[in-house]
Amino acid sequence: MWLRGALPDFDNPFAAETVDRTSPAVLQSIQDIGEYRAASANYELLVDLERDTDLPAVILGERTLFVAVGSVDAGVDLRALGPDAVEVSADGSGVSINLPPAEVYDAELDSSGSYIYERDEGLLNRIGNVFSGDGDHYREVSIAAEERLNEAARANDDLATRAEENTAAMLESLLRSLGYERVEISFSP
């Protein structure tokens, strides 16, 4: 027993331990954001990518089914307000603001909720992955997923409409709390 305690543990020579040697994060920059993100849409979709060649798929080819989870935000860019965008009435009791239309921003893929559901590869693809790794493949399906999420969000006007409604409600509440009795919010380019 004494000798066993002095020697390293050889019970499982294939046991692995993870050691995190990550360096601390380095702040690169801080930027001001002049946009008000007023609505967010959450999506899930199944991306089906297939790469075909003239050879049979069992030899060279691949097909990936990727479950993508992500969100797309919409909001108003307040930096685009011109000097004449805000008008206060002569008696000071009313205000009107002309805002730019709401924008639908780029999709953000949730990497913790997205995953490869199924992947079929030809023999030569599997051999090639042994030498080259698989990082580019995940990136390829992620980019395709973000493109599809962007298409879905931009094809539906509800997200931008909701962003304008929420922006108007927020500004109206803010301006009424500042004492304005009449508040008029409009959106135009």
N, C-alpha and C. Protein backbone atom coordinates (compact mmCIF):
# COMPACT_ATOMS: atom_id res chain seq x y z
N MET A 1 0.81 -1.19 0.00
CA MET A 1 0.00 0.00 0.00
C MET A 1 0.87 1.27 0.00
N TRP A 2 1.95 1.23 0.79
CA TRP A 2 2.82 2.38 0.87
C TRP A 2 3.45 2.68 -0.49
N LEU A 3 3.88 1.65 -1.21
CA LEU A 3 4.49 1.81 -2.52
C LEU A 3 3.46 2.31 -3.54
N ARG A 4 2.26 1.82 -3.44
CA ARG A 4 1.19 2.25 -4.37
C ARG A 4 0.90 3.75 -4.22
N GLY A 5 0.93 4.28 -3.02
CA GLY A 5 0.69 5.70 -2.79
C GLY A 5 1.81 6.59 -3.29
N ALA A 6 3.02 6.06 -3.40
CA ALA A 6 4.17 6.84 -3.85
C ALA A 6 4.29 6.90 -5.36
N LEU A 7 3.70 5.94 -6.04
CA LEU A 7 3.77 5.88 -7.50
C LEU A 7 2.55 6.54 -8.13
N PRO A 8 2.68 7.00 -9.39
CA PRO A 8 1.50 7.57 -10.07
C PRO A 8 0.43 6.51 -10.26
N ASP A 9 -0.79 6.97 -10.46
CA ASP A 9 -1.94 6.08 -10.65
C ASP A 9 -1.89 5.46 -12.04
N PHE A 10 -1.76 4.15 -12.09
CA PHE A 10 -1.71 3.43 -13.36
C PHE A 10 -2.98 2.63 -13.61
N ASP A 11 -4.04 2.94 -12.86
CA ASP A 11 -5.28 2.18 -13.05
C ASP A 11 -5.81 2.31 -14.46
N ASN A 12 -5.77 3.52 -15.03
CA ASN A 12 -6.25 3.75 -16.38
C ASN A 12 -5.22 4.61 -17.12
N PRO A 13 -4.35 3.98 -17.90
CA PRO A 13 -3.33 4.76 -18.59
C PRO A 13 -3.89 5.67 -19.68
N PHE A 14 -5.15 5.48 -20.06
CA PHE A 14 -5.76 6.29 -21.11
C PHE A 14 -6.63 7.41 -20.56
N ALA A 15 -6.69 7.54 -19.24
CA ALA A 15 -7.49 8.60 -18.63
C ALA A 15 -6.89 9.95 -19.03
N ALA A 16 -7.77 10.90 -19.33
CA ALA A 16 -7.32 12.23 -19.76
C ALA A 16 -7.86 13.28 -18.80
N GLU A 17 -7.11 14.34 -18.69
CA GLU A 17 -7.51 15.46 -17.86
C GLU A 17 -7.42 16.72 -18.71
N THR A 18 -8.42 17.57 -18.62
CA THR A 18 -8.42 18.81 -19.37
C THR A 18 -7.80 19.92 -18.53
N VAL A 19 -6.83 20.60 -19.10
CA VAL A 19 -6.17 21.71 -18.44
C VAL A 19 -6.42 22.95 -19.29
N ASP A 20 -7.01 23.97 -18.68
CA ASP A 20 -7.33 25.21 -19.39
C ASP A 20 -6.18 26.19 -19.23
N ARG A 21 -5.47 26.46 -20.33
CA ARG A 21 -4.35 27.39 -20.31
C ARG A 21 -4.67 28.66 -21.13
N THR A 22 -5.92 28.98 -21.20
CA THR A 22 -6.37 30.14 -21.96
C THR A 22 -5.83 31.41 -21.31
N SER A 23 -5.33 32.29 -22.15
CA SER A 23 -4.83 33.57 -21.63
C SER A 23 -6.01 34.50 -21.36
N PRO A 24 -5.81 35.53 -20.54
CA PRO A 24 -6.90 36.46 -20.27
C PRO A 24 -7.33 37.21 -21.54
N ALA A 25 -8.59 37.59 -21.57
CA ALA A 25 -9.10 38.36 -22.71
C ALA A 25 -8.47 39.74 -22.73
N VAL A 26 -8.18 40.23 -23.91
CA VAL A 26 -7.58 41.55 -24.07
C VAL A 26 -8.62 42.45 -24.73
N LEU A 27 -8.97 43.53 -24.07
CA LEU A 27 -9.94 44.48 -24.61
C LEU A 27 -9.33 45.17 -25.82
N GLN A 28 -9.98 45.03 -26.97
CA GLN A 28 -9.49 45.64 -28.20
C GLN A 28 -10.04 47.05 -28.39
N SER A 29 -11.33 47.23 -28.12
CA SER A 29 -11.91 48.56 -28.27
C SER A 29 -13.31 48.58 -27.66
N ILE A 30 -13.80 49.78 -27.40
CA ILE A 30 -15.18 50.02 -26.96
C ILE A 30 -15.76 51.03 -27.93
N GLN A 31 -16.96 50.73 -28.42
CA GLN A 31 -17.60 51.62 -29.40
C GLN A 31 -18.96 52.05 -28.88
N ASP A 32 -19.34 53.27 -29.22
CA ASP A 32 -20.68 53.76 -28.92
C ASP A 32 -21.65 53.16 -29.92
N ILE A 33 -22.83 52.82 -29.43
CA ILE A 33 -23.88 52.28 -30.31
C ILE A 33 -25.00 53.29 -30.33
N GLY A 34 -25.36 53.75 -31.49
CA GLY A 34 -26.41 54.74 -31.62
C GLY A 34 -27.71 54.16 -32.12
N GLU A 35 -27.92 52.89 -31.89
CA GLU A 35 -29.15 52.27 -32.37
C GLU A 35 -29.96 51.74 -31.19
N TYR A 36 -31.24 51.77 -31.35
CA TYR A 36 -32.14 51.24 -30.34
C TYR A 36 -32.71 49.94 -30.88
N ARG A 37 -32.31 48.83 -30.30
CA ARG A 37 -32.81 47.52 -30.72
C ARG A 37 -34.13 47.29 -30.00
N ALA A 38 -35.20 47.24 -30.78
CA ALA A 38 -36.53 47.29 -30.19
C ALA A 38 -37.31 45.99 -30.31
N ALA A 39 -36.86 45.04 -31.13
CA ALA A 39 -37.57 43.78 -31.28
C ALA A 39 -36.58 42.70 -31.69
N SER A 40 -36.89 41.48 -31.31
CA SER A 40 -36.03 40.36 -31.65
C SER A 40 -36.90 39.18 -32.04
N ALA A 41 -36.51 38.50 -33.11
CA ALA A 41 -37.23 37.30 -33.56
C ALA A 41 -36.31 36.10 -33.37
N ASN A 42 -36.85 35.04 -32.81
CA ASN A 42 -36.08 33.82 -32.59
C ASN A 42 -36.50 32.78 -33.62
N TYR A 43 -35.51 32.16 -34.25
CA TYR A 43 -35.77 31.20 -35.32
C TYR A 43 -35.07 29.88 -35.05
N GLU A 44 -35.63 28.85 -35.65
CA GLU A 44 -34.98 27.55 -35.72
C GLU A 44 -35.23 27.01 -37.10
N LEU A 45 -34.19 26.46 -37.72
CA LEU A 45 -34.36 25.90 -39.04
C LEU A 45 -33.43 24.73 -39.24
N LEU A 46 -33.76 23.89 -40.19
CA LEU A 46 -32.93 22.75 -40.54
C LEU A 46 -32.22 23.06 -41.86
N VAL A 47 -30.90 23.16 -41.81
CA VAL A 47 -30.10 23.42 -43.00
C VAL A 47 -29.69 22.07 -43.56
N ASP A 48 -29.92 21.88 -44.85
CA ASP A 48 -29.60 20.61 -45.51
C ASP A 48 -28.63 20.93 -46.64
N LEU A 49 -27.33 20.72 -46.40
CA LEU A 49 -26.30 21.00 -47.40
C LEU A 49 -25.77 19.68 -47.96
N GLU A 50 -25.71 19.61 -49.28
CA GLU A 50 -25.18 18.42 -49.93
C GLU A 50 -24.15 18.84 -50.96
N ARG A 51 -23.02 18.18 -50.96
CA ARG A 51 -21.96 18.44 -51.92
C ARG A 51 -21.84 17.20 -52.81
N ASP A 52 -22.18 17.37 -54.07
CA ASP A 52 -22.16 16.26 -55.03
C ASP A 52 -20.97 16.38 -55.96
N THR A 53 -20.52 15.24 -56.43
CA THR A 53 -19.49 15.17 -57.47
C THR A 53 -19.96 14.17 -58.51
N ASP A 54 -19.15 13.96 -59.54
CA ASP A 54 -19.49 12.98 -60.56
C ASP A 54 -19.35 11.54 -60.04
N LEU A 55 -18.59 11.37 -58.97
CA LEU A 55 -18.43 10.05 -58.37
C LEU A 55 -19.63 9.74 -57.48
N PRO A 56 -19.89 8.47 -57.24
CA PRO A 56 -20.99 8.12 -56.32
C PRO A 56 -20.75 8.72 -54.93
N ALA A 57 -21.83 9.06 -54.25
CA ALA A 57 -21.75 9.71 -52.94
C ALA A 57 -21.02 8.86 -51.91
N VAL A 58 -21.07 7.54 -52.03
CA VAL A 58 -20.37 6.68 -51.07
C VAL A 58 -18.86 6.82 -51.20
N ILE A 59 -18.40 7.24 -52.36
CA ILE A 59 -16.97 7.41 -52.58
C ILE A 59 -16.55 8.85 -52.29
N LEU A 60 -17.23 9.81 -52.91
CA LEU A 60 -16.89 11.22 -52.71
C LEU A 60 -18.18 12.04 -52.72
N GLY A 61 -18.47 12.64 -51.63
CA GLY A 61 -19.67 13.46 -51.48
C GLY A 61 -20.02 13.56 -50.01
N GLU A 62 -20.82 14.56 -49.69
CA GLU A 62 -21.24 14.69 -48.30
C GLU A 62 -22.57 15.41 -48.21
N ARG A 63 -23.29 15.07 -47.17
CA ARG A 63 -24.56 15.72 -46.89
C ARG A 63 -24.64 15.95 -45.39
N THR A 64 -25.02 17.16 -45.02
CA THR A 64 -25.08 17.54 -43.61
C THR A 64 -26.45 18.12 -43.30
N LEU A 65 -27.04 17.65 -42.23
CA LEU A 65 -28.27 18.22 -41.68
C LEU A 65 -27.87 18.96 -40.40
N PHE A 66 -28.13 20.25 -40.38
CA PHE A 66 -27.68 21.12 -39.29
C PHE A 66 -28.89 21.83 -38.70
N VAL A 67 -29.13 21.67 -37.42
CA VAL A 67 -30.21 22.36 -36.74
C VAL A 67 -29.65 23.70 -36.26
N ALA A 68 -30.17 24.77 -36.83
CA ALA A 68 -29.69 26.12 -36.52
C ALA A 68 -30.71 26.84 -35.65
N VAL A 69 -30.22 27.42 -34.58
CA VAL A 69 -31.03 28.23 -33.68
C VAL A 69 -30.38 29.60 -33.63
N GLY A 70 -31.18 30.64 -33.83
CA GLY A 70 -30.61 31.98 -33.82
C GLY A 70 -31.67 33.05 -33.66
N SER A 71 -31.21 34.27 -33.59
CA SER A 71 -32.13 35.40 -33.45
C SER A 71 -31.73 36.51 -34.40
N VAL A 72 -32.72 37.32 -34.72
CA VAL A 72 -32.52 38.48 -35.58
C VAL A 72 -33.18 39.66 -34.88
N ASP A 73 -32.43 40.74 -34.71
CA ASP A 73 -32.95 41.93 -34.05
C ASP A 73 -33.35 42.97 -35.09
N ALA A 74 -34.24 43.85 -34.68
CA ALA A 74 -34.61 44.99 -35.50
C ALA A 74 -34.64 46.21 -34.59
N GLY A 75 -34.30 47.35 -35.17
CA GLY A 75 -34.28 48.56 -34.38
C GLY A 75 -34.14 49.79 -35.23
N VAL A 76 -33.96 50.90 -34.56
CA VAL A 76 -33.88 52.20 -35.23
C VAL A 76 -32.50 52.80 -34.96
N ASP A 77 -31.87 53.25 -36.02
CA ASP A 77 -30.55 53.87 -35.91
C ASP A 77 -30.74 55.34 -35.57
N LEU A 78 -30.52 55.69 -34.33
CA LEU A 78 -30.75 57.07 -33.87
C LEU A 78 -29.65 58.02 -34.31
N ARG A 79 -28.53 57.47 -34.79
CA ARG A 79 -27.47 58.34 -35.31
C ARG A 79 -27.90 59.00 -36.61
N ALA A 80 -28.92 58.46 -37.27
CA ALA A 80 -29.36 59.00 -38.55
C ALA A 80 -30.31 60.20 -38.39
N LEU A 81 -30.60 60.59 -37.16
CA LEU A 81 -31.49 61.73 -36.95
C LEU A 81 -30.82 63.01 -37.43
N GLY A 82 -31.55 63.76 -38.24
CA GLY A 82 -31.04 65.04 -38.72
C GLY A 82 -31.35 66.15 -37.72
N PRO A 83 -30.84 67.35 -37.97
CA PRO A 83 -31.06 68.47 -37.04
C PRO A 83 -32.53 68.90 -36.97
N ASP A 84 -33.29 68.61 -38.01
CA ASP A 84 -34.71 69.01 -38.00
C ASP A 84 -35.63 67.83 -37.70
N ALA A 85 -35.11 66.76 -37.12
CA ALA A 85 -35.92 65.56 -36.84
C ALA A 85 -36.84 65.76 -35.63
N VAL A 86 -36.49 66.67 -34.75
CA VAL A 86 -37.29 66.91 -33.55
C VAL A 86 -37.84 68.33 -33.60
N GLU A 87 -39.15 68.46 -33.47
CA GLU A 87 -39.80 69.78 -33.46
C GLU A 87 -40.65 69.92 -32.22
N VAL A 88 -40.40 70.96 -31.48
CA VAL A 88 -41.19 71.25 -30.28
C VAL A 88 -42.20 72.32 -30.65
N SER A 89 -43.44 72.14 -30.18
CA SER A 89 -44.49 73.11 -30.50
C SER A 89 -44.17 74.47 -29.88
N ALA A 90 -44.80 75.51 -30.42
CA ALA A 90 -44.54 76.88 -29.96
C ALA A 90 -44.84 77.06 -28.49
N ASP A 91 -45.88 76.39 -28.00
CA ASP A 91 -46.22 76.55 -26.58
C ASP A 91 -45.44 75.58 -25.68
N GLY A 92 -44.61 74.71 -26.26
CA GLY A 92 -43.76 73.80 -25.48
C GLY A 92 -44.47 72.59 -24.92
N SER A 93 -45.73 72.39 -25.30
CA SER A 93 -46.46 71.26 -24.72
C SER A 93 -46.47 70.03 -25.65
N GLY A 94 -46.00 70.19 -26.85
CA GLY A 94 -46.01 69.07 -27.79
C GLY A 94 -44.68 68.92 -28.50
N VAL A 95 -44.41 67.71 -28.96
CA VAL A 95 -43.18 67.42 -29.67
C VAL A 95 -43.48 66.40 -30.77
N SER A 96 -42.83 66.58 -31.89
CA SER A 96 -42.94 65.57 -32.96
C SER A 96 -41.52 65.18 -33.37
N ILE A 97 -41.35 63.86 -33.58
CA ILE A 97 -40.05 63.31 -33.96
C ILE A 97 -40.22 62.48 -35.22
N ASN A 98 -39.37 62.74 -36.19
CA ASN A 98 -39.36 61.96 -37.42
C ASN A 98 -38.12 61.06 -37.38
N LEU A 99 -38.34 59.76 -37.30
CA LEU A 99 -37.27 58.78 -37.18
C LEU A 99 -37.06 58.05 -38.50
N PRO A 100 -35.86 57.52 -38.71
CA PRO A 100 -35.66 56.66 -39.89
C PRO A 100 -36.41 55.35 -39.69
N PRO A 101 -36.77 54.67 -40.76
CA PRO A 101 -37.48 53.39 -40.62
C PRO A 101 -36.62 52.37 -39.88
N ALA A 102 -37.28 51.42 -39.28
CA ALA A 102 -36.57 50.37 -38.56
C ALA A 102 -35.78 49.51 -39.53
N GLU A 103 -34.64 49.04 -39.05
CA GLU A 103 -33.77 48.15 -39.83
C GLU A 103 -33.80 46.76 -39.21
N VAL A 104 -33.68 45.76 -40.06
CA VAL A 104 -33.51 44.39 -39.58
C VAL A 104 -32.01 44.12 -39.64
N TYR A 105 -31.42 43.79 -38.48
CA TYR A 105 -29.98 43.58 -38.39
C TYR A 105 -29.63 42.14 -38.76
N ASP A 106 -28.36 41.86 -38.82
CA ASP A 106 -27.90 40.52 -39.20
C ASP A 106 -28.21 39.50 -38.12
N ALA A 107 -28.45 38.28 -38.56
CA ALA A 107 -28.75 37.18 -37.66
C ALA A 107 -27.56 36.84 -36.78
N GLU A 108 -27.86 36.37 -35.60
CA GLU A 108 -26.83 35.88 -34.68
C GLU A 108 -27.16 34.44 -34.35
N LEU A 109 -26.29 33.55 -34.79
CA LEU A 109 -26.47 32.13 -34.57
C LEU A 109 -26.14 31.78 -33.12
N ASP A 110 -26.99 31.01 -32.49
CA ASP A 110 -26.74 30.55 -31.12
C ASP A 110 -25.93 29.27 -31.21
N SER A 111 -24.63 29.37 -30.99
CA SER A 111 -23.76 28.20 -31.16
C SER A 111 -24.01 27.14 -30.10
N SER A 112 -24.53 27.52 -28.95
CA SER A 112 -24.80 26.51 -27.92
C SER A 112 -26.08 25.73 -28.22
N GLY A 113 -26.99 26.30 -28.98
CA GLY A 113 -28.24 25.61 -29.31
C GLY A 113 -28.24 24.98 -30.69
N SER A 114 -27.26 25.32 -31.53
CA SER A 114 -27.18 24.79 -32.89
C SER A 114 -26.26 23.57 -32.90
N TYR A 115 -26.59 22.61 -33.75
CA TYR A 115 -25.77 21.40 -33.78
C TYR A 115 -25.95 20.66 -35.10
N ILE A 116 -24.96 19.83 -35.42
CA ILE A 116 -25.05 18.96 -36.59
C ILE A 116 -25.87 17.76 -36.20
N TYR A 117 -27.01 17.59 -36.85
CA TYR A 117 -27.93 16.51 -36.54
C TYR A 117 -27.47 15.20 -37.19
N GLU A 118 -27.05 15.31 -38.45
CA GLU A 118 -26.60 14.12 -39.17
C GLU A 118 -25.61 14.54 -40.24
N ARG A 119 -24.62 13.68 -40.46
CA ARG A 119 -23.63 13.96 -41.49
C ARG A 119 -23.24 12.66 -42.16
N ASP A 120 -23.41 12.61 -43.46
CA ASP A 120 -23.01 11.45 -44.26
C ASP A 120 -21.88 11.88 -45.17
N GLU A 121 -20.80 11.09 -45.17
CA GLU A 121 -19.64 11.42 -45.99
C GLU A 121 -19.21 10.21 -46.80
N GLY A 122 -18.66 10.51 -47.97
CA GLY A 122 -18.06 9.46 -48.77
C GLY A 122 -16.74 9.01 -48.17
N LEU A 123 -16.24 7.90 -48.63
CA LEU A 123 -15.00 7.33 -48.11
C LEU A 123 -13.83 8.30 -48.25
N LEU A 124 -13.68 8.93 -49.41
CA LEU A 124 -12.57 9.86 -49.61
C LEU A 124 -12.70 11.11 -48.73
N ASN A 125 -13.91 11.53 -48.46
CA ASN A 125 -14.11 12.67 -47.56
C ASN A 125 -13.64 12.33 -46.14
N ARG A 126 -13.97 11.13 -45.68
CA ARG A 126 -13.56 10.71 -44.34
C ARG A 126 -12.04 10.62 -44.23
N ILE A 127 -11.42 10.10 -45.27
CA ILE A 127 -9.96 10.01 -45.27
C ILE A 127 -9.35 11.42 -45.25
N GLY A 128 -9.90 12.32 -46.04
CA GLY A 128 -9.41 13.69 -46.08
C GLY A 128 -9.57 14.41 -44.75
N ASN A 129 -10.65 14.13 -44.01
CA ASN A 129 -10.87 14.78 -42.71
C ASN A 129 -9.84 14.35 -41.67
N VAL A 130 -9.28 13.15 -41.84
CA VAL A 130 -8.24 12.70 -40.91
C VAL A 130 -7.04 13.65 -40.98
N PHE A 131 -6.74 14.13 -42.18
CA PHE A 131 -5.55 14.97 -42.37
C PHE A 131 -5.84 16.46 -42.26
N SER A 132 -7.05 16.88 -42.61
CA SER A 132 -7.30 18.31 -42.66
C SER A 132 -8.18 18.82 -41.52
N GLY A 133 -8.80 17.97 -40.79
CA GLY A 133 -9.69 18.42 -39.72
C GLY A 133 -11.06 18.75 -40.27
N ASP A 134 -11.94 19.20 -39.38
CA ASP A 134 -13.34 19.39 -39.74
C ASP A 134 -13.84 20.80 -39.47
N GLY A 135 -12.97 21.74 -39.12
CA GLY A 135 -13.37 23.09 -38.74
C GLY A 135 -14.08 23.87 -39.82
N ASP A 136 -13.62 23.74 -41.07
CA ASP A 136 -14.24 24.49 -42.15
C ASP A 136 -15.66 24.05 -42.42
N HIS A 137 -15.97 22.78 -42.18
CA HIS A 137 -17.30 22.27 -42.45
C HIS A 137 -18.33 22.93 -41.53
N TYR A 138 -18.03 23.00 -40.23
CA TYR A 138 -18.95 23.64 -39.29
C TYR A 138 -19.14 25.11 -39.66
N ARG A 139 -18.07 25.75 -40.05
CA ARG A 139 -18.16 27.15 -40.46
C ARG A 139 -19.06 27.31 -41.68
N GLU A 140 -18.94 26.40 -42.64
CA GLU A 140 -19.74 26.46 -43.86
C GLU A 140 -21.24 26.34 -43.56
N VAL A 141 -21.63 25.38 -42.73
CA VAL A 141 -23.06 25.24 -42.41
C VAL A 141 -23.54 26.38 -41.54
N SER A 142 -22.66 26.95 -40.70
CA SER A 142 -23.05 28.10 -39.87
C SER A 142 -23.33 29.32 -40.74
N ILE A 143 -22.48 29.55 -41.73
CA ILE A 143 -22.69 30.69 -42.64
C ILE A 143 -23.98 30.50 -43.42
N ALA A 144 -24.22 29.29 -43.91
CA ALA A 144 -25.47 29.01 -44.63
C ALA A 144 -26.68 29.23 -43.73
N ALA A 145 -26.58 28.83 -42.47
CA ALA A 145 -27.68 29.01 -41.53
C ALA A 145 -27.95 30.49 -41.29
N GLU A 146 -26.90 31.30 -41.10
CA GLU A 146 -27.09 32.73 -40.89
C GLU A 146 -27.73 33.39 -42.10
N GLU A 147 -27.34 32.96 -43.30
CA GLU A 147 -27.95 33.51 -44.51
C GLU A 147 -29.44 33.20 -44.56
N ARG A 148 -29.82 31.97 -44.22
CA ARG A 148 -31.23 31.58 -44.25
C ARG A 148 -32.03 32.32 -43.17
N LEU A 149 -31.41 32.51 -42.00
CA LEU A 149 -32.09 33.27 -40.94
C LEU A 149 -32.31 34.71 -41.37
N ASN A 150 -31.31 35.32 -42.02
CA ASN A 150 -31.46 36.68 -42.52
C ASN A 150 -32.57 36.77 -43.56
N GLU A 151 -32.61 35.80 -44.47
CA GLU A 151 -33.66 35.78 -45.50
C GLU A 151 -35.04 35.68 -44.87
N ALA A 152 -35.19 34.80 -43.88
CA ALA A 152 -36.48 34.62 -43.22
C ALA A 152 -36.93 35.90 -42.52
N ALA A 153 -36.00 36.55 -41.83
CA ALA A 153 -36.36 37.77 -41.10
C ALA A 153 -36.71 38.92 -42.03
N ARG A 154 -35.98 39.04 -43.14
CA ARG A 154 -36.24 40.15 -44.06
C ARG A 154 -37.48 39.91 -44.93
N ALA A 155 -37.89 38.66 -45.05
CA ALA A 155 -39.09 38.35 -45.84
C ALA A 155 -40.36 38.65 -45.05
N ASN A 156 -40.24 38.86 -43.77
CA ASN A 156 -41.40 39.08 -42.92
C ASN A 156 -41.33 40.51 -42.38
N ASP A 157 -42.29 41.34 -42.73
CA ASP A 157 -42.31 42.74 -42.30
C ASP A 157 -42.70 42.91 -40.84
N ASP A 158 -43.18 41.85 -40.19
CA ASP A 158 -43.64 41.97 -38.81
C ASP A 158 -42.54 42.42 -37.86
N LEU A 159 -41.32 41.96 -38.09
CA LEU A 159 -40.22 42.30 -37.18
C LEU A 159 -39.92 43.80 -37.22
N ALA A 160 -39.80 44.37 -38.40
CA ALA A 160 -39.53 45.82 -38.52
C ALA A 160 -40.71 46.63 -37.99
N THR A 161 -41.92 46.17 -38.27
CA THR A 161 -43.12 46.86 -37.78
C THR A 161 -43.15 46.87 -36.26
N ARG A 162 -42.84 45.72 -35.66
CA ARG A 162 -42.82 45.63 -34.20
C ARG A 162 -41.74 46.54 -33.63
N ALA A 163 -40.59 46.62 -34.29
CA ALA A 163 -39.50 47.48 -33.81
C ALA A 163 -39.95 48.95 -33.83
N GLU A 164 -40.65 49.35 -34.89
CA GLU A 164 -41.14 50.75 -34.95
C GLU A 164 -42.18 51.01 -33.86
N GLU A 165 -43.08 50.06 -33.64
CA GLU A 165 -44.10 50.23 -32.60
C GLU A 165 -43.44 50.35 -31.22
N ASN A 166 -42.47 49.48 -30.95
CA ASN A 166 -41.80 49.51 -29.64
C ASN A 166 -40.97 50.78 -29.46
N THR A 167 -40.32 51.23 -30.52
CA THR A 167 -39.54 52.46 -30.45
C THR A 167 -40.45 53.65 -30.17
N ALA A 168 -41.57 53.71 -30.88
CA ALA A 168 -42.53 54.81 -30.68
C ALA A 168 -43.08 54.79 -29.26
N ALA A 169 -43.40 53.61 -28.75
CA ALA A 169 -43.93 53.51 -27.39
C ALA A 169 -42.89 53.95 -26.36
N MET A 170 -41.64 53.55 -26.55
CA MET A 170 -40.58 53.93 -25.62
C MET A 170 -40.37 55.44 -25.63
N LEU A 171 -40.30 56.04 -26.82
CA LEU A 171 -40.08 57.49 -26.92
C LEU A 171 -41.27 58.27 -26.40
N GLU A 172 -42.47 57.79 -26.68
CA GLU A 172 -43.66 58.48 -26.18
C GLU A 172 -43.68 58.48 -24.65
N SER A 173 -43.36 57.34 -24.06
CA SER A 173 -43.32 57.24 -22.60
C SER A 173 -42.24 58.17 -22.03
N LEU A 174 -41.08 58.19 -22.65
CA LEU A 174 -39.99 59.05 -22.19
C LEU A 174 -40.38 60.53 -22.29
N LEU A 175 -40.92 60.92 -23.44
CA LEU A 175 -41.25 62.33 -23.66
C LEU A 175 -42.41 62.78 -22.78
N ARG A 176 -43.37 61.91 -22.53
CA ARG A 176 -44.47 62.28 -21.62
C ARG A 176 -43.95 62.45 -20.19
N SER A 177 -42.97 61.62 -19.81
CA SER A 177 -42.41 61.78 -18.47
C SER A 177 -41.61 63.08 -18.34
N LEU A 178 -41.18 63.64 -19.47
CA LEU A 178 -40.49 64.93 -19.47
C LEU A 178 -41.46 66.10 -19.50
N GLY A 179 -42.78 65.82 -19.56
CA GLY A 179 -43.78 66.87 -19.48
C GLY A 179 -44.48 67.22 -20.78
N TYR A 180 -44.15 66.57 -21.86
CA TYR A 180 -44.85 66.86 -23.12
C TYR A 180 -46.21 66.17 -23.12
N GLU A 181 -47.25 66.96 -23.44
CA GLU A 181 -48.61 66.43 -23.44
C GLU A 181 -48.96 65.77 -24.76
N ARG A 182 -48.45 66.32 -25.84
CA ARG A 182 -48.71 65.77 -27.17
C ARG A 182 -47.40 65.26 -27.75
N VAL A 183 -47.40 64.00 -28.12
CA VAL A 183 -46.19 63.39 -28.69
C VAL A 183 -46.58 62.74 -30.01
N GLU A 184 -45.85 63.08 -31.04
CA GLU A 184 -46.10 62.54 -32.38
C GLU A 184 -44.80 61.90 -32.89
N ILE A 185 -44.85 60.62 -33.18
CA ILE A 185 -43.68 59.89 -33.69
C ILE A 185 -44.00 59.41 -35.10
N SER A 186 -43.11 59.68 -36.04
CA SER A 186 -43.29 59.18 -37.41
C SER A 186 -41.99 58.57 -37.91
N PHE A 187 -42.12 57.68 -38.89
CA PHE A 187 -40.96 57.01 -39.48
C PHE A 187 -40.95 57.28 -40.97
N SER A 188 -39.87 57.86 -41.46
CA SER A 188 -39.71 58.05 -42.90
C SER A 188 -38.23 58.19 -43.21
N PRO A 189 -37.83 57.78 -44.40
CA PRO A 189 -36.40 57.84 -44.76
C PRO A 189 -35.87 59.25 -44.87
